[in-house]
């Protein structure tokens, strides 16, 4: 280092012994600057490629198929809060569960009336107690989670398995609706396969985290736990419908048009795939924008990644 500093002194400009180390130093500095620029450009590029590859992998896992024995019907609200189910495949269920309720549970009410079963509602964030004229609700001031616990605000959480057991529904055929703002991933990962076997259909809204990069770019994050959960469910369920929530539309998260989306999964013990139907299944007209006043953001025809 003293040699390089000395080589920069003005009186050394005419001295060939000092000019040489100076030129070497300047070359090294130039190389260093170029290396830093390349690093700053290539690292974010590699990160973007990796992030996109995970989003592509998730979308590929979520490609819906057509069931030849399923008659789809919309249950619940016309817009936000409505979900598709196979109307004809769950006659004989004995109970239903609705996670994430809020001020109304039109979906749960329609399910209760259609199948003649009680709907066990779980929500520890909203004190509202929805009612259902002609149906049966059993509200629980508790949330679903991967383990029994109480948070710092004294909200209670428990597992799907424990909640089903507490309601004496172990071994019974069920319908499950879940919309819990991101808690669904770990909660369903923690659910034993034997419990999932009870569930005829899962209507759920999945929520992915949104991240702001160092360059102030906002994007959707998909990690291995998200992929693991979907693959776990797909061992027992068919993906039958996929609809993106237009409250959550996002640019620069290709190929996902939004960070929240509804998925219908139908148990393989009751759903029969139609091998003659186009794959992936075409977008179903029963889907509707969650926000009727905003532009929609669904996938292009064909759902290509």
Foldseek 3Di string as FASTA:
>chain_A
DVLQVVLPDPVCPPPPVSVVVPVVVVVVVVVVVVVVVCCVVVVVVVVLVVQLVLVQLLLVLQQAFDFPQFDWDWFFDLFAQIWIDRLPQPAQFAEEEEADAAQERRRQLRVQQSRVYEYEYEDQPHPHDYDHVNGHYHYDNAHEALAWDADPVRHTYHAPVVVCVVVVNQPTAYAYEYEDAARVLNRQVSDDVSRVLNYFKYKYKHAFDWDQDPVRDIETGGDPSNVVSSVVLVVFWGWHAKFAAQVAADPPHPPDRGRMIIIMIGGPVRTHGDPPADISHFHDPSHDHNDNVDDGGDGDTPSND
